[in-house]
Amino acid sequence: MNTSVSVVIPAHNAVRFIGQALESVFLQREAAADLDLDVIVVDNASTDATGDCVQRDFGSTVRLVHEPKPGAACVRNTGIAAATAPLIAFLDADDLWLPGKLAEQCAALAALPDASLVFCHGAEFSDAPAAYPCNPEARPFVHPSGLLARREVFDIAGPLPEFRCGEFIAWYGWTQTLGLTSLVVPGSFVRRRVHSDNTTRNRQGLAEYTQAMHWLMERRRAHAAADAGPGATGR
């Protein structure tokens, strides 16, 4: 029985990285011959040759869609809406997967039907070597590029909040408030590229991190109030 996964890859001016990212996705079939991949690159108003590169080098094996509104959350939400598979994974265009990631995560979800989200371990690398501080040690990677989720997670928790930084950790925190079970497989399967254009190096993005956390706290407060019922009083 085949396992079908939609892989959503946000890409903004990613011509330097997108080929390697996509190759790392298709290498997932080495560890899972029955893996059906629905690969979606969401071009976020790139001004370089990102889209041309995808179409030239990968053709019909990849669906190229467009989202002009800026921000990774908007792009991921567009990809989720276009996805067709019962499982959804994210990969940032400048990151890489190692072979076996999807196989291990799919097996974990199959073994634990009550689990909704599964992460893996990952490590950072500098682009170029030694140019940027990074953590090369593998660790639990609660990051978009480390996630595989059942599609219904997005129906229950809703789309990612549209902030430029902190949106994923806020959304993940909301899934935990809702009681959706997550787990981490032990293998290290993600390589996160650290470079000059990472969102976390952008001052505007960092300013929106606080807004993302406020979004989470407001949702948690409303959720707790709803659970307490109409007769509850706050302090």
C-alpha atoms as a PDB file:
ATOM      1  CA  MET A   1       0.000   0.000   0.000  1.00  0.00           C
ATOM      2  CA  ASN A   2       1.490   3.319  -1.072  1.00  0.00           C
ATOM      3  CA  THR A   3       2.051   6.227   1.291  1.00  0.00           C
ATOM      4  CA  SER A   4       1.251   9.630  -0.170  1.00  0.00           C
ATOM      5  CA  VAL A   5       2.899  12.831   1.090  1.00  0.00           C
ATOM      6  CA  SER A   6       2.480  16.399  -0.130  1.00  0.00           C
ATOM      7  CA  VAL A   7       5.733  18.318   0.268  1.00  0.00           C
ATOM      8  CA  VAL A   8       5.313  22.107   0.394  1.00  0.00           C
ATOM      9  CA  ILE A   9       8.430  24.152  -0.386  1.00  0.00           C
ATOM     10  CA  PRO A  10       8.237  27.953   0.027  1.00  0.00           C
ATOM     11  CA  ALA A  11      10.690  29.659  -2.317  1.00  0.00           C
ATOM     12  CA  HIS A  12      11.640  33.333  -2.562  1.00  0.00           C
ATOM     13  CA  ASN A  13      14.672  34.126  -4.729  1.00  0.00           C
ATOM     14  CA  ALA A  14      15.912  30.602  -4.049  1.00  0.00           C
ATOM     15  CA  VAL A  15      17.539  29.789  -7.380  1.00  0.00           C
ATOM     16  CA  ARG A  16      20.840  29.015  -5.619  1.00  0.00           C
ATOM     17  CA  PHE A  17      19.261  26.440  -3.322  1.00  0.00           C
ATOM     18  CA  ILE A  18      16.048  25.060  -4.831  1.00  0.00           C
ATOM     19  CA  GLY A  19      17.649  22.336  -6.959  1.00  0.00           C
ATOM     20  CA  GLN A  20      19.432  20.763  -4.004  1.00  0.00           C
ATOM     21  CA  ALA A  21      16.293  20.970  -1.863  1.00  0.00           C
ATOM     22  CA  LEU A  22      14.189  19.199  -4.483  1.00  0.00           C
ATOM     23  CA  GLU A  23      16.827  16.521  -5.065  1.00  0.00           C
ATOM     24  CA  SER A  24      16.811  15.801  -1.330  1.00  0.00           C
ATOM     25  CA  VAL A  25      13.040  15.318  -1.509  1.00  0.00           C
ATOM     26  CA  PHE A  26      13.166  12.818  -4.371  1.00  0.00           C
ATOM     27  CA  LEU A  27      15.972  10.913  -2.619  1.00  0.00           C
ATOM     28  CA  GLN A  28      13.361   9.992   0.012  1.00  0.00           C
ATOM     29  CA  ARG A  29      12.233   7.230  -2.336  1.00  0.00           C
ATOM     30  CA  GLU A  30      15.498   5.372  -1.703  1.00  0.00           C
ATOM     31  CA  ALA A  31      14.231   4.366   1.738  1.00  0.00           C
ATOM     32  CA  ALA A  32      10.550   4.062   0.762  1.00  0.00           C
ATOM     33  CA  ALA A  33       9.897   2.639  -2.683  1.00  0.00           C
ATOM     34  CA  ASP A  34       6.126   2.876  -2.134  1.00  0.00           C
ATOM     35  CA  LEU A  35       6.262   6.617  -1.422  1.00  0.00           C
ATOM     36  CA  ASP A  36       4.033   8.808  -3.598  1.00  0.00           C
ATOM     37  CA  LEU A  37       5.261  12.400  -3.595  1.00  0.00           C
ATOM     38  CA  ASP A  38       3.100  15.414  -4.389  1.00  0.00           C
ATOM     39  CA  VAL A  39       5.808  18.086  -4.525  1.00  0.00           C
ATOM     40  CA  ILE A  40       4.633  21.707  -4.511  1.00  0.00           C
ATOM     41  CA  VAL A  41       7.007  24.657  -4.873  1.00  0.00           C
ATOM     42  CA  VAL A  42       5.275  27.903  -3.929  1.00  0.00           C
ATOM     43  CA  ASP A  43       7.123  30.765  -5.592  1.00  0.00           C
ATOM     44  CA  ASN A  44       6.795  33.832  -3.373  1.00  0.00           C
ATOM     45  CA  ALA A  45       7.226  36.673  -5.891  1.00  0.00           C
ATOM     46  CA  SER A  46      10.790  35.723  -6.770  1.00  0.00           C
ATOM     47  CA  THR A  47      12.676  38.163  -8.961  1.00  0.00           C
ATOM     48  CA  ASP A  48      15.375  35.649  -9.856  1.00  0.00           C
ATOM     49  CA  ALA A  49      15.059  32.465 -11.955  1.00  0.00           C
ATOM     50  CA  THR A  50      13.612  30.262  -9.195  1.00  0.00           C
ATOM     51  CA  GLY A  51      10.494  29.295 -11.166  1.00  0.00           C
ATOM     52  CA  ASP A  52      12.405  28.787 -14.420  1.00  0.00           C
ATOM     53  CA  CYS A  53      14.879  26.529 -12.634  1.00  0.00           C
ATOM     54  CA  VAL A  54      12.105  24.375 -11.173  1.00  0.00           C
ATOM     55  CA  GLN A  55      10.327  23.991 -14.499  1.00  0.00           C
ATOM     56  CA  ARG A  56      13.526  23.353 -16.473  1.00  0.00           C
ATOM     57  CA  ASP A  57      15.134  20.825 -14.151  1.00  0.00           C
ATOM     58  CA  PHE A  58      12.111  19.040 -12.635  1.00  0.00           C
ATOM     59  CA  GLY A  59       9.281  19.512 -15.117  1.00  0.00           C
ATOM     60  CA  SER A  60       6.045  17.708 -14.337  1.00  0.00           C
ATOM     61  CA  THR A  61       7.470  16.011 -11.218  1.00  0.00           C
ATOM     62  CA  VAL A  62       6.896  19.293  -9.356  1.00  0.00           C
ATOM     63  CA  ARG A  63       3.848  21.560  -9.209  1.00  0.00           C
ATOM     64  CA  LEU A  64       4.801  25.230  -9.314  1.00  0.00           C
ATOM     65  CA  VAL A  65       2.269  27.626  -7.816  1.00  0.00           C
ATOM     66  CA  HIS A  66       2.538  31.316  -7.004  1.00  0.00           C
ATOM     67  CA  GLU A  67       1.771  33.396  -3.921  1.00  0.00           C
ATOM     68  CA  PRO A  68       2.507  37.132  -4.227  1.00  0.00           C
ATOM     69  CA  LYS A  69       1.784  38.036  -0.596  1.00  0.00           C
ATOM     70  CA  PRO A  70       5.103  38.165   1.294  1.00  0.00           C
ATOM     71  CA  GLY A  71       5.973  35.861   4.162  1.00  0.00           C
ATOM     72  CA  ALA A  72       6.624  32.150   4.649  1.00  0.00           C
ATOM     73  CA  ALA A  73       3.323  31.610   6.502  1.00  0.00           C
ATOM     74  CA  CYS A  74       1.275  32.885   3.550  1.00  0.00           C
ATOM     75  CA  VAL A  75       3.301  30.677   1.237  1.00  0.00           C
ATOM     76  CA  ARG A  76       2.908  27.568   3.394  1.00  0.00           C
ATOM     77  CA  ASN A  77      -0.821  28.174   3.703  1.00  0.00           C
ATOM     78  CA  THR A  78      -1.087  28.406  -0.087  1.00  0.00           C
ATOM     79  CA  GLY A  79       0.809  25.125  -0.366  1.00  0.00           C
ATOM     80  CA  ILE A  80      -1.445  23.433   2.183  1.00  0.00           C
ATOM     81  CA  ALA A  81      -4.508  24.534   0.200  1.00  0.00           C
ATOM     82  CA  ALA A  82      -2.985  23.018  -2.964  1.00  0.00           C
ATOM     83  CA  ALA A  83      -1.889  19.763  -1.300  1.00  0.00           C
ATOM     84  CA  THR A  84      -3.680  16.541  -2.238  1.00  0.00           C
ATOM     85  CA  ALA A  85      -2.128  13.938   0.091  1.00  0.00           C
ATOM     86  CA  PRO A  86      -3.267  12.822   3.567  1.00  0.00           C
ATOM     87  CA  LEU A  87       0.165  13.699   4.969  1.00  0.00           C
ATOM     88  CA  ILE A  88       1.856  17.095   4.583  1.00  0.00           C
ATOM     89  CA  ALA A  89       5.510  18.018   5.057  1.00  0.00           C
ATOM     90  CA  PHE A  90       7.346  21.321   4.754  1.00  0.00           C
ATOM     91  CA  LEU A  91      10.858  21.940   3.482  1.00  0.00           C
ATOM     92  CA  ASP A  92      12.349  25.419   3.320  1.00  0.00           C
ATOM     93  CA  ALA A  93      13.989  25.991  -0.060  1.00  0.00           C
ATOM     94  CA  ASP A  94      17.394  26.578   1.532  1.00  0.00           C
ATOM     95  CA  ASP A  95      17.302  23.440   3.727  1.00  0.00           C
ATOM     96  CA  LEU A  96      17.982  19.793   2.926  1.00  0.00           C
ATOM     97  CA  TRP A  97      16.528  16.448   3.932  1.00  0.00           C
ATOM     98  CA  LEU A  98      18.665  13.364   4.378  1.00  0.00           C
ATOM     99  CA  PRO A  99      17.452  10.024   2.982  1.00  0.00           C
ATOM    100  CA  GLY A 100      15.058   8.196   5.263  1.00  0.00           C
ATOM    101  CA  LYS A 101      13.307  11.218   6.787  1.00  0.00           C
ATOM    102  CA  LEU A 102       9.868  10.582   5.359  1.00  0.00           C
ATOM    103  CA  ALA A 103      10.170   6.802   5.719  1.00  0.00           C
ATOM    104  CA  GLU A 104      10.897   7.068   9.454  1.00  0.00           C
ATOM    105  CA  GLN A 105       8.202   9.654  10.067  1.00  0.00           C
ATOM    106  CA  CYS A 106       5.542   7.817   8.053  1.00  0.00           C
ATOM    107  CA  ALA A 107       6.329   4.636   9.978  1.00  0.00           C
ATOM    108  CA  ALA A 108       5.996   6.502  13.288  1.00  0.00           C
ATOM    109  CA  LEU A 109       2.569   7.869  12.373  1.00  0.00           C
ATOM    110  CA  ALA A 110       1.428   4.472  11.112  1.00  0.00           C
ATOM    111  CA  ALA A 111       2.490   2.862  14.400  1.00  0.00           C
ATOM    112  CA  LEU A 112       0.765   5.522  16.514  1.00  0.00           C
ATOM    113  CA  PRO A 113      -2.639   6.366  15.027  1.00  0.00           C
ATOM    114  CA  ASP A 114      -3.338   8.873  17.820  1.00  0.00           C
ATOM    115  CA  ALA A 115      -0.261  10.961  16.930  1.00  0.00           C
ATOM    116  CA  SER A 116      -0.879  13.923  14.635  1.00  0.00           C
ATOM    117  CA  LEU A 117       2.539  15.531  14.102  1.00  0.00           C
ATOM    118  CA  VAL A 118       6.013  14.020  13.963  1.00  0.00           C
ATOM    119  CA  PHE A 119       9.360  15.801  13.937  1.00  0.00           C
ATOM    120  CA  CYS A 120      12.904  14.493  13.610  1.00  0.00           C
ATOM    121  CA  HIS A 121      16.367  15.651  14.666  1.00  0.00           C
ATOM    122  CA  GLY A 122      18.337  18.162  12.640  1.00  0.00           C
ATOM    123  CA  ALA A 123      21.548  20.166  12.555  1.00  0.00           C
ATOM    124  CA  GLU A 124      22.730  23.457  11.079  1.00  0.00           C
ATOM    125  CA  PHE A 125      25.497  24.127   8.583  1.00  0.00           C
ATOM    126  CA  SER A 126      27.052  27.380   7.449  1.00  0.00           C
ATOM    127  CA  ASP A 127      26.832  28.604   3.875  1.00  0.00           C
ATOM    128  CA  ALA A 128      29.700  29.237   3.132  1.00  0.00           C
ATOM    129  CA  PRO A 129      31.697  27.027   5.534  1.00  0.00           C
ATOM    130  CA  ALA A 130      32.542  28.825   8.803  1.00  0.00           C
ATOM    131  CA  ALA A 131      31.022  32.080   7.533  1.00  0.00           C
ATOM    132  CA  TYR A 132      28.057  32.093   9.947  1.00  0.00           C
ATOM    133  CA  PRO A 133      27.678  30.848  13.522  1.00  0.00           C
ATOM    134  CA  CYS A 134      25.588  27.706  13.660  1.00  0.00           C
ATOM    135  CA  ASN A 135      24.939  24.632  15.775  1.00  0.00           C
ATOM    136  CA  PRO A 136      26.261  21.526  13.977  1.00  0.00           C
ATOM    137  CA  GLU A 137      25.058  19.175  16.722  1.00  0.00           C
ATOM    138  CA  ALA A 138      21.924  17.148  15.989  1.00  0.00           C
ATOM    139  CA  ARG A 139      18.985  18.007  18.233  1.00  0.00           C
ATOM    140  CA  PRO A 140      15.181  17.690  18.213  1.00  0.00           C
ATOM    141  CA  PHE A 141      14.131  19.911  15.333  1.00  0.00           C
ATOM    142  CA  VAL A 142      10.763  21.572  16.014  1.00  0.00           C
ATOM    143  CA  HIS A 143      10.997  23.542  12.786  1.00  0.00           C
ATOM    144  CA  PRO A 144       8.966  23.533   9.556  1.00  0.00           C
ATOM    145  CA  SER A 145      11.603  21.535   7.675  1.00  0.00           C
ATOM    146  CA  GLY A 146      11.419  18.826  10.343  1.00  0.00           C
ATOM    147  CA  LEU A 147       7.631  18.351  10.322  1.00  0.00           C
ATOM    148  CA  LEU A 148       5.357  15.684   8.896  1.00  0.00           C
ATOM    149  CA  ALA A 149       1.682  16.121   9.843  1.00  0.00           C
ATOM    150  CA  ARG A 150      -1.624  14.517   9.130  1.00  0.00           C
ATOM    151  CA  ARG A 151      -3.740  16.748   6.921  1.00  0.00           C
ATOM    152  CA  GLU A 152      -6.502  17.007   9.514  1.00  0.00           C
ATOM    153  CA  VAL A 153      -4.118  18.888  11.816  1.00  0.00           C
ATOM    154  CA  PHE A 154      -4.570  21.933   9.601  1.00  0.00           C
ATOM    155  CA  ASP A 155      -8.343  21.484   9.596  1.00  0.00           C
ATOM    156  CA  ILE A 156      -8.365  21.411  13.416  1.00  0.00           C
ATOM    157  CA  ALA A 157      -5.725  24.049  14.212  1.00  0.00           C
ATOM    158  CA  GLY A 158      -6.308  26.235  11.176  1.00  0.00           C
ATOM    159  CA  PRO A 159      -3.695  27.900   8.965  1.00  0.00           C
ATOM    160  CA  LEU A 160      -0.423  29.349  10.180  1.00  0.00           C
ATOM    161  CA  PRO A 161      -0.739  32.926  11.466  1.00  0.00           C
ATOM    162  CA  GLU A 162       0.642  35.274   8.847  1.00  0.00           C
ATOM    163  CA  PHE A 163       3.664  36.750  10.609  1.00  0.00           C
ATOM    164  CA  ARG A 164       7.139  36.835   9.120  1.00  0.00           C
ATOM    165  CA  CYS A 165       8.858  35.331  12.145  1.00  0.00           C
ATOM    166  CA  GLY A 166       7.676  33.087  14.957  1.00  0.00           C
ATOM    167  CA  GLU A 167       4.601  31.999  13.021  1.00  0.00           C
ATOM    168  CA  PHE A 168       5.470  28.312  13.056  1.00  0.00           C
ATOM    169  CA  ILE A 169       6.315  28.014  16.744  1.00  0.00           C
ATOM    170  CA  ALA A 170       3.116  29.945  17.563  1.00  0.00           C
ATOM    171  CA  TRP A 171       1.047  27.621  15.365  1.00  0.00           C
ATOM    172  CA  TYR A 172       2.740  24.551  16.855  1.00  0.00           C
ATOM    173  CA  GLY A 173       2.041  25.864  20.354  1.00  0.00           C
ATOM    174  CA  TRP A 174      -1.609  26.199  19.377  1.00  0.00           C
ATOM    175  CA  THR A 175      -1.726  22.560  18.222  1.00  0.00           C
ATOM    176  CA  GLN A 176      -0.430  21.539  21.633  1.00  0.00           C
ATOM    177  CA  THR A 177      -3.066  23.661  23.381  1.00  0.00           C
ATOM    178  CA  LEU A 178      -5.669  21.784  21.357  1.00  0.00           C
ATOM    179  CA  GLY A 179      -4.240  18.478  22.575  1.00  0.00           C
ATOM    180  CA  LEU A 180      -2.840  17.244  19.259  1.00  0.00           C
ATOM    181  CA  THR A 181      -0.140  14.656  19.950  1.00  0.00           C
ATOM    182  CA  SER A 182       3.340  15.233  18.566  1.00  0.00           C
ATOM    183  CA  LEU A 183       6.461  13.092  18.702  1.00  0.00           C
ATOM    184  CA  VAL A 184      10.080  13.157  17.569  1.00  0.00           C
ATOM    185  CA  VAL A 185      11.812  10.288  15.764  1.00  0.00           C
ATOM    186  CA  PRO A 186      15.432   9.808  16.862  1.00  0.00           C
ATOM    187  CA  GLY A 187      17.194  10.050  13.515  1.00  0.00           C
ATOM    188  CA  SER A 188      18.865  13.263  12.320  1.00  0.00           C
ATOM    189  CA  PHE A 189      17.359  13.957   8.902  1.00  0.00           C
ATOM    190  CA  VAL A 190      17.386  17.752   8.354  1.00  0.00           C
ATOM    191  CA  ARG A 191      20.271  20.065   7.505  1.00  0.00           C
ATOM    192  CA  ARG A 192      19.338  23.705   8.073  1.00  0.00           C
ATOM    193  CA  ARG A 193      21.380  26.139   6.011  1.00  0.00           C
ATOM    194  CA  VAL A 194      22.534  29.275   7.853  1.00  0.00           C
ATOM    195  CA  HIS A 195      23.217  32.200   5.514  1.00  0.00           C
ATOM    196  CA  SER A 196      22.909  35.965   5.217  1.00  0.00           C
ATOM    197  CA  ASP A 197      19.270  35.954   4.089  1.00  0.00           C
ATOM    198  CA  ASN A 198      17.722  33.810   6.831  1.00  0.00           C
ATOM    199  CA  THR A 199      14.454  35.341   8.066  1.00  0.00           C
ATOM    200  CA  THR A 200      15.757  35.414  11.635  1.00  0.00           C
ATOM    201  CA  ARG A 201      18.429  37.882  10.523  1.00  0.00           C
ATOM    202  CA  ASN A 202      15.769  40.309   9.328  1.00  0.00           C
ATOM    203  CA  ARG A 203      14.868  43.029  11.868  1.00  0.00           C
ATOM    204  CA  GLN A 204      11.288  43.311  10.671  1.00  0.00           C
ATOM    205  CA  GLY A 205      10.896  39.548  10.982  1.00  0.00           C
ATOM    206  CA  LEU A 206      12.237  39.552  14.510  1.00  0.00           C
ATOM    207  CA  ALA A 207       9.830  42.332  15.472  1.00  0.00           C
ATOM    208  CA  GLU A 208       6.928  40.170  14.314  1.00  0.00           C
ATOM    209  CA  TYR A 209       8.048  37.307  16.576  1.00  0.00           C
ATOM    210  CA  THR A 210       6.500  39.166  19.511  1.00  0.00           C
ATOM    211  CA  GLN A 211       3.251  39.555  17.569  1.00  0.00           C
ATOM    212  CA  ALA A 212       3.202  35.813  16.859  1.00  0.00           C
ATOM    213  CA  MET A 213       3.603  35.030  20.546  1.00  0.00           C
ATOM    214  CA  HIS A 214       0.794  37.477  21.350  1.00  0.00           C
ATOM    215  CA  TRP A 215      -1.400  35.657  18.816  1.00  0.00           C
ATOM    216  CA  LEU A 216      -0.725  32.386  20.638  1.00  0.00           C
ATOM    217  CA  MET A 217      -1.387  33.808  24.093  1.00  0.00           C
ATOM    218  CA  GLU A 218      -4.686  35.359  22.980  1.00  0.00           C
ATOM    219  CA  ARG A 219      -5.820  32.068  21.486  1.00  0.00           C
ATOM    220  CA  ARG A 220      -4.847  30.175  24.618  1.00  0.00           C
ATOM    221  CA  ARG A 221      -6.687  32.693  26.793  1.00  0.00           C
ATOM    222  CA  ALA A 222      -9.864  32.396  24.707  1.00  0.00           C
ATOM    223  CA  HIS A 223      -9.572  28.610  24.673  1.00  0.00           C
ATOM    224  CA  ALA A 224      -9.220  28.453  28.454  1.00  0.00           C
ATOM    225  CA  ALA A 225     -12.212  30.762  28.894  1.00  0.00           C
ATOM    226  CA  ALA A 226     -14.334  28.609  26.614  1.00  0.00           C
ATOM    227  CA  ASP A 227     -13.330  25.475  28.527  1.00  0.00           C
ATOM    228  CA  ALA A 228     -14.151  27.148  31.851  1.00  0.00           C
ATOM    229  CA  GLY A 229     -17.703  27.853  30.715  1.00  0.00           C
ATOM    230  CA  PRO A 230     -19.951  30.913  31.021  1.00  0.00           C
ATOM    231  CA  GLY A 231     -20.022  30.886  34.833  1.00  0.00           C
ATOM    232  CA  ALA A 232     -16.234  31.100  35.311  1.00  0.00           C
ATOM    233  CA  THR A 233     -14.589  34.268  36.547  1.00  0.00           C
ATOM    234  CA  GLY A 234     -11.064  35.391  35.840  1.00  0.00           C
ATOM    235  CA  ARG A 235      -8.501  36.828  38.217  1.00  0.00           C
END
